[in-house]
Amino acid sequence: MSRIKEVFDCWVESGSMSFAQMHYPFENKEKFEKNFPAQYISEYISQTRAWFYVMHVMSVALFNSNSFENVVTTGVIFNEKGDKMSKSKKNYPDPWKIINEFGVDALRFYLMSSPLMHADNLFFNERELRDVFRKNVMLLWNVLKFYELFTNSHELKTNNHESDNVLDKWILAKLNQLVEVATEGMDNYDLPKSTRSITKFIDDLSTWYIRRSRDRFKGNLKRGATNAAHANDNNEEKDKKFALETTSFVLLQLSKIIAPFMPFIAEQLWQKVTGNDFKSEDNSVHLEKWPISHNVECVTHNEILEKMEVVRKIVELGLAKRDEAGIRVRQPLNQLRIKNCELKNEYEELIKDELNVKNIKIKKGKGEIEVELDTDITPELKQEIGRASCRERV
């Protein structure tokens, strides 16, 4: 061995990675030229003045070109005490304990939705990780389990856009919105933007669509009932079918969107809803194409989304009025009066059911929406709680 007197900065070796790894120009000349500059790289924030910089220096000097097109730079992870996590100090929670308790999907999603992916610092917090697990993994799993209670068939149409039920139209509009936002975030390498939109969608799917559609899944049609019993039965079966088909379609599309972020529950979801159920190793959500938004429906979708936001705002105000009056939701009330609003009957029915009121009176106008509850509980209204309790026991 003999010592070389002149030694370059060691970062030159790392900066030469883009071509040196292929032994260019002595080998793989065509392959290198087809893949240069790199489409995407990712590293820790300190590499801004090291690897990132030197790669560009080498590429400009040799090829008069930048060495990469896109970069995701991660920040620093601190523990809850504010100390930088270190392997030597072992000042971090046991990774296997975290994984065994919350799963790798929750951990992965927590990190990818955090400021860490914007090159900001992250104070690792198990409580926040638990929230991610609960709001994403558990909530979605509960939706799947509820769906499976009412369908044993995997021959449902999964491209249903025929339903006239406003809830089906709304969740499909929400799904279209999610595809747009998640796609834009991914295209711009903005992972927190994509992941946060997923969390919001799962919440809407579970706490509004599924919850408001429970009776439809069970075949109980509360709105639009006809006098003829057989016609009513047909409506109920049709509406139940629409609810199942819409949920099936939404879950399949959602499984594709969450696949890069929560790969394991995405696979479980896709396998269960498609009916493949891991029978073939050649079928996987990770081999599916990314969903495409339907821009042609944007005008209709936006109107539905805006109206449903109004509905949920009214429900929120109505529930607050019930709290003020100390009246539980189980107690039916006669009337809800709404000011500065205009809604179609299908939206009014949702409000009636959610707030447990008999009638709604709407006064058009401009300004903030205001609601007023008729809190006079007649003997007849009081008796309805008893009848409802009897039905529940039966």
Protein backbone atom coordinates (compact mmCIF):
# COMPACT_ATOMS: atom_id res chain seq x y z
CA MET A 1 0.00 0.00 0.00
CA SER A 2 1.13 3.56 -0.64
CA ARG A 3 -0.44 6.78 0.57
CA ILE A 4 -1.89 9.19 -1.98
CA LYS A 5 -0.88 12.71 -1.06
CA GLU A 6 -3.73 14.60 -2.71
CA VAL A 7 -7.17 13.44 -1.52
CA PHE A 8 -10.40 15.08 -2.71
CA ASP A 9 -13.17 15.96 -0.34
CA CYS A 10 -14.87 12.66 0.48
CA TRP A 11 -18.21 14.10 -0.64
CA VAL A 12 -16.96 13.94 -4.22
CA GLU A 13 -17.43 10.18 -4.06
CA SER A 14 -21.05 10.55 -2.95
CA GLY A 15 -21.60 13.35 -5.46
CA SER A 16 -20.38 11.04 -8.24
CA MET A 17 -22.98 8.40 -7.33
CA SER A 18 -25.34 9.17 -10.21
CA PHE A 19 -22.83 7.98 -12.83
CA ALA A 20 -20.22 6.06 -10.81
CA GLN A 21 -22.76 3.46 -9.59
CA MET A 22 -23.17 2.39 -13.23
CA HIS A 23 -19.43 2.51 -14.01
CA TYR A 24 -20.21 5.12 -16.62
CA PRO A 25 -18.78 5.75 -19.25
CA PHE A 26 -17.07 2.35 -19.32
CA GLU A 27 -20.36 0.45 -18.91
CA ASN A 28 -24.11 1.03 -19.13
CA LYS A 29 -23.74 4.17 -21.23
CA GLU A 30 -27.20 3.97 -22.81
CA LYS A 31 -28.90 3.03 -19.53
CA PHE A 32 -27.31 5.95 -17.70
CA GLU A 33 -28.19 8.51 -20.35
CA LYS A 34 -31.84 7.36 -20.33
CA ASN A 35 -32.10 7.80 -16.56
CA PHE A 36 -30.14 11.00 -16.03
CA PRO A 37 -30.89 13.32 -14.32
CA ALA A 38 -32.60 11.37 -11.55
CA GLN A 39 -36.32 12.03 -11.23
CA TYR A 40 -36.39 11.98 -7.44
CA ILE A 41 -34.11 11.67 -4.40
CA SER A 42 -34.66 11.99 -0.66
CA GLU A 43 -32.37 12.64 2.29
CA TYR A 44 -31.89 14.41 5.61
CA ILE A 45 -31.79 18.25 5.79
CA SER A 46 -28.02 18.37 6.45
CA GLN A 47 -27.41 16.98 2.96
CA THR A 48 -28.49 20.33 1.51
CA ARG A 49 -24.89 21.56 1.76
CA ALA A 50 -23.33 18.12 1.26
CA TRP A 51 -24.66 15.37 -1.02
CA PHE A 52 -27.32 17.52 -2.75
CA TYR A 53 -24.84 20.28 -3.46
CA VAL A 54 -21.88 18.16 -4.57
CA MET A 55 -24.06 16.06 -6.90
CA HIS A 56 -25.01 19.23 -8.73
CA VAL A 57 -21.38 20.43 -8.79
CA MET A 58 -20.21 17.16 -10.36
CA SER A 59 -23.09 16.98 -12.83
CA VAL A 60 -22.69 20.57 -13.99
CA ALA A 61 -18.91 20.14 -14.35
CA LEU A 62 -19.21 16.88 -16.34
CA PHE A 63 -22.57 17.14 -18.13
CA ASN A 64 -23.65 20.79 -17.79
CA SER A 65 -26.83 19.54 -16.16
CA ASN A 66 -28.47 19.32 -12.76
CA SER A 67 -28.22 15.83 -11.24
CA PHE A 68 -31.82 15.45 -10.02
CA GLU A 69 -35.23 16.96 -10.72
CA ASN A 70 -37.08 16.57 -7.42
CA VAL A 71 -36.03 16.17 -3.81
CA VAL A 72 -37.85 15.51 -0.53
CA THR A 73 -35.79 16.73 2.39
CA THR A 74 -36.59 15.44 5.87
CA GLY A 75 -36.08 17.33 9.10
CA VAL A 76 -34.79 16.24 12.50
CA ILE A 77 -36.67 13.85 14.81
CA PHE A 78 -36.60 14.82 18.49
CA ASN A 79 -37.96 12.87 21.43
CA GLU A 80 -40.68 14.30 23.69
CA LYS A 81 -38.03 15.98 25.88
CA GLY A 82 -36.66 17.90 22.90
CA ASP A 83 -33.46 15.88 22.53
CA LYS A 84 -32.35 14.79 19.08
CA MET A 85 -32.88 11.05 18.77
CA SER A 86 -29.57 9.21 18.65
CA LYS A 87 -28.55 5.58 18.25
CA SER A 88 -25.64 6.10 20.60
CA LYS A 89 -27.77 7.71 23.32
CA LYS A 90 -30.68 5.29 22.80
CA ASN A 91 -33.05 8.15 23.73
CA TYR A 92 -35.94 6.92 21.60
CA PRO A 93 -38.88 4.54 22.15
CA ASP A 94 -38.35 0.90 21.25
CA PRO A 95 -39.29 0.65 17.52
CA TRP A 96 -40.57 -2.91 17.88
CA LYS A 97 -42.81 -1.91 20.77
CA ILE A 98 -44.23 0.89 18.67
CA ILE A 99 -44.75 -1.40 15.67
CA ASN A 100 -46.33 -4.18 17.74
CA GLU A 101 -48.74 -1.74 19.39
CA PHE A 102 -49.75 0.45 16.43
CA GLY A 103 -48.50 -1.37 13.33
CA VAL A 104 -46.15 -0.21 10.60
CA ASP A 105 -48.94 1.47 8.62
CA ALA A 106 -49.73 3.89 11.43
CA LEU A 107 -46.05 4.67 12.03
CA ARG A 108 -45.40 5.21 8.33
CA PHE A 109 -48.49 7.41 7.95
CA TYR A 110 -47.60 9.41 11.06
CA LEU A 111 -44.17 10.25 9.70
CA MET A 112 -45.36 10.95 6.15
CA SER A 113 -48.09 13.33 7.33
CA SER A 114 -45.81 15.21 9.71
CA PRO A 115 -43.79 18.44 9.24
CA LEU A 116 -40.76 16.12 8.94
CA MET A 117 -41.54 15.76 5.22
CA HIS A 118 -41.34 19.54 4.80
CA ALA A 119 -37.79 19.59 6.21
CA ASP A 120 -39.14 20.78 9.58
CA ASN A 121 -38.41 19.19 12.94
CA LEU A 122 -40.68 16.57 14.49
CA PHE A 123 -41.12 15.98 18.21
CA PHE A 124 -42.02 12.29 18.17
CA ASN A 125 -45.10 11.76 20.30
CA GLU A 126 -46.77 8.41 20.97
CA ARG A 127 -50.09 10.11 21.72
CA GLU A 128 -50.09 11.63 18.25
CA LEU A 129 -49.17 8.26 16.77
CA ARG A 130 -52.10 6.69 18.66
CA ASP A 131 -54.41 9.32 17.15
CA VAL A 132 -53.14 8.50 13.67
CA PHE A 133 -53.78 4.80 14.34
CA ARG A 134 -57.29 5.48 15.65
CA LYS A 135 -58.36 8.02 13.00
CA ASN A 136 -56.98 6.15 10.02
CA VAL A 137 -56.33 2.45 10.55
CA MET A 138 -59.04 1.64 13.11
CA LEU A 139 -61.73 3.87 11.60
CA LEU A 140 -61.17 2.43 8.14
CA TRP A 141 -61.10 -1.13 9.46
CA ASN A 142 -64.42 -0.53 11.24
CA VAL A 143 -65.94 0.73 7.98
CA LEU A 144 -64.82 -2.45 6.22
CA LYS A 145 -66.21 -4.68 8.98
CA PHE A 146 -69.56 -2.85 8.89
CA TYR A 147 -69.72 -3.19 5.10
CA GLU A 148 -68.99 -6.92 5.33
CA LEU A 149 -71.96 -7.40 7.69
CA PHE A 150 -74.36 -6.67 4.83
CA THR A 151 -72.70 -8.22 1.79
CA ASN A 152 -71.65 -11.77 1.13
CA SER A 153 -71.42 -11.13 -2.59
CA HIS A 154 -68.45 -9.70 -4.46
CA GLU A 155 -70.45 -9.44 -7.67
CA LEU A 156 -71.66 -5.93 -6.88
CA LYS A 157 -71.17 -3.28 -9.51
CA THR A 158 -68.29 -1.18 -8.29
CA ASN A 159 -68.66 1.69 -10.75
CA ASN A 160 -72.07 2.83 -9.57
CA HIS A 161 -73.03 6.40 -10.47
CA GLU A 162 -76.75 5.68 -10.94
CA SER A 163 -77.99 6.29 -7.39
CA ASP A 164 -80.20 9.32 -6.81
CA ASN A 165 -79.54 9.23 -3.05
CA VAL A 166 -77.87 12.48 -1.99
CA LEU A 167 -75.53 10.64 0.40
CA ASP A 168 -74.18 8.50 -2.44
CA LYS A 169 -73.73 11.55 -4.64
CA TRP A 170 -71.98 13.38 -1.81
CA ILE A 171 -69.46 10.65 -0.94
CA LEU A 172 -68.62 10.18 -4.63
CA ALA A 173 -68.04 13.94 -4.89
CA LYS A 174 -65.85 13.74 -1.78
CA LEU A 175 -63.93 10.84 -3.33
CA ASN A 176 -63.39 12.82 -6.53
CA GLN A 177 -62.11 15.72 -4.45
CA LEU A 178 -59.75 13.40 -2.56
CA VAL A 179 -58.31 12.01 -5.81
CA GLU A 180 -57.62 15.54 -7.03
CA VAL A 181 -55.95 16.72 -3.81
CA ALA A 182 -53.96 13.52 -3.23
CA THR A 183 -52.78 13.44 -6.85
CA GLU A 184 -51.72 17.09 -6.76
CA GLY A 185 -49.82 16.49 -3.52
CA MET A 186 -48.03 13.43 -4.92
CA ASP A 187 -47.21 15.18 -8.21
CA ASN A 188 -45.65 18.03 -6.24
CA TYR A 189 -43.87 15.68 -3.80
CA ASP A 190 -45.95 17.20 -0.99
CA LEU A 191 -46.71 14.09 1.06
CA PRO A 192 -48.34 15.83 4.07
CA LYS A 193 -50.90 17.43 1.76
CA SER A 194 -51.87 14.04 0.34
CA THR A 195 -51.98 12.21 3.66
CA ARG A 196 -53.96 14.85 5.53
CA SER A 197 -56.65 14.80 2.86
CA ILE A 198 -56.89 11.02 3.37
CA THR A 199 -57.50 11.39 7.11
CA LYS A 200 -60.28 13.92 6.50
CA PHE A 201 -61.92 11.66 3.91
CA ILE A 202 -61.88 8.60 6.19
CA ASP A 203 -63.56 10.67 8.90
CA ASP A 204 -66.25 11.87 6.46
CA LEU A 205 -66.78 8.33 5.17
CA SER A 206 -67.20 6.86 8.65
CA THR A 207 -68.86 9.55 10.75
CA TRP A 208 -71.21 10.96 8.13
CA TYR A 209 -71.76 8.67 5.11
CA ILE A 210 -71.75 5.27 6.85
CA ARG A 211 -73.51 6.56 9.96
CA ARG A 212 -76.22 8.32 7.95
CA SER A 213 -76.60 5.24 5.69
CA ARG A 214 -76.97 2.64 8.46
CA ASP A 215 -80.71 2.24 7.89
CA ARG A 216 -80.13 1.95 4.15
CA PHE A 217 -77.68 -0.92 4.70
CA LYS A 218 -80.31 -2.63 6.82
CA GLY A 219 -82.97 -2.10 4.17
CA ASN A 220 -84.91 0.56 6.10
CA LEU A 221 -85.86 3.38 3.77
CA LYS A 222 -86.88 6.41 5.82
CA ARG A 223 -87.42 8.84 2.97
CA GLY A 224 -89.60 8.70 -0.13
CA ALA A 225 -91.74 5.83 1.18
CA THR A 226 -94.78 4.91 -0.93
CA ASN A 227 -98.20 3.73 0.20
CA ALA A 228 -97.89 0.42 -1.61
CA ALA A 229 -96.01 -2.08 0.55
CA HIS A 230 -94.44 -3.95 -2.36
CA ALA A 231 -93.31 -0.69 -3.99
CA ASN A 232 -91.77 0.38 -0.69
CA ASP A 233 -89.95 -2.95 -0.43
CA ASN A 234 -88.59 -2.48 -3.94
CA ASN A 235 -87.38 1.02 -3.07
CA GLU A 236 -85.68 -0.26 0.06
CA GLU A 237 -83.89 -3.07 -1.79
CA LYS A 238 -82.83 -0.70 -4.55
CA ASP A 239 -81.55 1.88 -2.09
CA LYS A 240 -79.71 -0.80 -0.09
CA LYS A 241 -78.09 -2.02 -3.31
CA PHE A 242 -77.00 1.51 -4.17
CA ALA A 243 -75.54 2.00 -0.69
CA LEU A 244 -73.54 -1.24 -0.94
CA GLU A 245 -72.36 -0.56 -4.49
CA THR A 246 -71.30 2.98 -3.64
CA THR A 247 -69.42 1.83 -0.53
CA SER A 248 -67.74 -0.94 -2.51
CA PHE A 249 -66.61 1.52 -5.19
CA VAL A 250 -65.39 4.05 -2.61
CA LEU A 251 -63.41 1.45 -0.63
CA LEU A 252 -61.73 0.10 -3.76
CA GLN A 253 -60.70 3.57 -4.93
CA LEU A 254 -59.61 4.54 -1.43
CA SER A 255 -57.44 1.42 -1.14
CA LYS A 256 -55.50 2.58 -4.21
CA ILE A 257 -55.04 6.09 -2.84
CA ILE A 258 -53.74 4.93 0.56
CA ALA A 259 -51.53 2.19 -0.94
CA PRO A 260 -48.32 4.31 -1.00
CA PHE A 261 -48.92 5.50 2.57
CA MET A 262 -50.50 2.53 4.37
CA PRO A 263 -49.58 -0.43 2.15
CA PHE A 264 -50.74 -3.25 4.41
CA ILE A 265 -54.27 -2.11 5.28
CA ALA A 266 -54.63 -0.97 1.65
CA GLU A 267 -53.90 -4.54 0.54
CA GLN A 268 -56.29 -6.02 3.12
CA LEU A 269 -59.03 -3.61 2.06
CA TRP A 270 -58.59 -4.29 -1.66
CA GLN A 271 -58.37 -8.08 -1.24
CA LYS A 272 -61.53 -8.23 0.92
CA VAL A 273 -63.72 -5.92 -1.19
CA THR A 274 -62.71 -7.43 -4.55
CA GLY A 275 -63.27 -10.95 -3.21
CA ASN A 276 -59.78 -12.01 -4.25
CA ASP A 277 -59.06 -12.57 -0.55
CA PHE A 278 -55.38 -13.43 -1.16
CA LYS A 279 -56.31 -16.39 -3.39
CA SER A 280 -53.92 -15.27 -6.13
CA GLU A 281 -50.46 -13.82 -5.62
CA ASP A 282 -50.74 -12.12 -9.01
CA ASN A 283 -53.53 -9.78 -7.84
CA SER A 284 -52.69 -6.86 -5.59
CA VAL A 285 -53.72 -3.27 -4.98
CA HIS A 286 -50.07 -2.37 -5.58
CA LEU A 287 -50.46 -3.51 -9.20
CA GLU A 288 -53.53 -1.33 -9.79
CA LYS A 289 -53.54 2.00 -11.61
CA TRP A 290 -53.82 5.26 -9.69
CA PRO A 291 -57.43 6.62 -9.65
CA ILE A 292 -58.42 9.44 -11.99
CA SER A 293 -60.71 12.30 -10.99
CA HIS A 294 -63.84 13.05 -13.05
CA ASN A 295 -63.53 16.73 -13.96
CA VAL A 296 -66.71 16.66 -16.04
CA GLU A 297 -68.72 16.32 -12.85
CA CYS A 298 -67.04 19.18 -11.00
CA VAL A 299 -69.99 21.63 -11.20
CA THR A 300 -72.47 19.10 -9.81
CA HIS A 301 -69.96 17.84 -7.24
CA ASN A 302 -69.20 21.34 -5.97
CA GLU A 303 -72.90 22.12 -5.51
CA ILE A 304 -73.46 18.88 -3.56
CA LEU A 305 -70.37 19.48 -1.40
CA GLU A 306 -71.46 23.04 -0.60
CA LYS A 307 -75.02 22.01 0.29
CA MET A 308 -73.85 19.17 2.51
CA GLU A 309 -71.50 21.54 4.33
CA VAL A 310 -74.53 23.72 5.04
CA VAL A 311 -76.45 20.67 6.30
CA ARG A 312 -73.65 19.66 8.65
CA LYS A 313 -73.34 23.25 9.90
CA ILE A 314 -77.07 23.32 10.68
CA VAL A 315 -76.80 19.97 12.46
CA GLU A 316 -73.88 21.29 14.51
CA LEU A 317 -75.86 24.39 15.50
CA GLY A 318 -78.94 22.30 16.26
CA LEU A 319 -77.02 19.92 18.50
CA ALA A 320 -75.55 22.90 20.33
CA LYS A 321 -79.09 24.22 20.93
CA ARG A 322 -80.11 20.83 22.32
CA ASP A 323 -77.13 20.92 24.69
CA GLU A 324 -78.07 24.43 25.85
CA ALA A 325 -81.61 23.27 26.58
CA GLY A 326 -80.43 20.02 28.19
CA ILE A 327 -82.52 17.89 25.80
CA ARG A 328 -81.03 14.62 24.57
CA VAL A 329 -81.16 13.74 20.87
CA ARG A 330 -83.31 10.70 21.65
CA GLN A 331 -86.14 13.04 22.62
CA PRO A 332 -88.13 13.98 19.48
CA LEU A 333 -88.94 17.66 19.05
CA ASN A 334 -91.63 19.25 16.96
CA GLN A 335 -89.82 21.86 14.88
CA LEU A 336 -86.50 23.37 13.84
CA ARG A 337 -86.53 26.88 12.39
CA ILE A 338 -83.66 27.86 10.08
CA LYS A 339 -82.87 31.42 8.92
CA ASN A 340 -80.80 32.55 5.92
CA CYS A 341 -80.83 29.24 4.10
CA GLU A 342 -82.41 27.33 1.21
CA LEU A 343 -82.33 23.54 0.94
CA LYS A 344 -84.01 20.82 -1.10
CA ASN A 345 -86.21 18.25 0.60
CA GLU A 346 -83.55 15.50 0.46
CA TYR A 347 -81.22 17.65 2.57
CA GLU A 348 -84.02 18.57 4.98
CA GLU A 349 -84.68 14.87 5.61
CA LEU A 350 -81.06 14.40 6.72
CA ILE A 351 -81.37 17.28 9.18
CA LYS A 352 -84.66 15.95 10.55
CA ASP A 353 -83.19 12.52 11.13
CA GLU A 354 -79.93 13.78 12.63
CA LEU A 355 -81.59 16.26 15.01
CA ASN A 356 -84.71 14.12 15.62
CA VAL A 357 -87.23 16.82 14.73
CA LYS A 358 -90.65 16.40 13.09
CA ASN A 359 -90.70 19.51 10.93
CA ILE A 360 -88.34 22.08 9.47
CA LYS A 361 -89.27 25.66 8.67
CA ILE A 362 -86.80 27.57 6.49
CA LYS A 363 -86.70 31.34 6.03
CA LYS A 364 -84.61 32.53 3.10
CA GLY A 365 -82.25 35.44 3.51
CA LYS A 366 -78.65 36.60 3.54
CA GLY A 367 -76.15 36.43 6.37
CA GLU A 368 -75.05 33.82 8.86
CA ILE A 369 -77.20 30.73 9.24
CA GLU A 370 -79.25 30.76 12.44
CA VAL A 371 -81.27 27.93 13.98
CA GLU A 372 -83.94 27.82 16.63
CA LEU A 373 -85.43 24.70 18.22
CA ASP A 374 -88.97 24.36 19.47
CA THR A 375 -88.11 22.93 22.90
CA ASP A 376 -91.72 22.48 24.02
CA ILE A 377 -92.03 18.75 24.77
CA THR A 378 -95.66 17.69 24.54
CA PRO A 379 -96.97 14.53 26.25
CA GLU A 380 -97.16 12.90 22.81
CA LEU A 381 -93.49 13.68 22.11
CA LYS A 382 -92.50 12.39 25.55
CA GLN A 383 -94.30 9.11 24.91
CA GLU A 384 -92.32 8.54 21.73
CA ILE A 385 -89.14 7.89 23.74
CA GLY A 386 -90.88 5.06 25.55
CA ARG A 387 -92.11 3.52 22.29
CA ALA A 388 -88.63 3.80 20.78
CA SER A 389 -87.10 2.10 23.84
CA CYS A 390 -89.58 -0.76 23.54
CA ARG A 391 -88.69 -1.27 19.88
CA GLU A 392 -84.98 -1.32 20.75
CA ARG A 393 -85.52 -3.99 23.44
CA VAL A 394 -87.54 -6.11 21.01
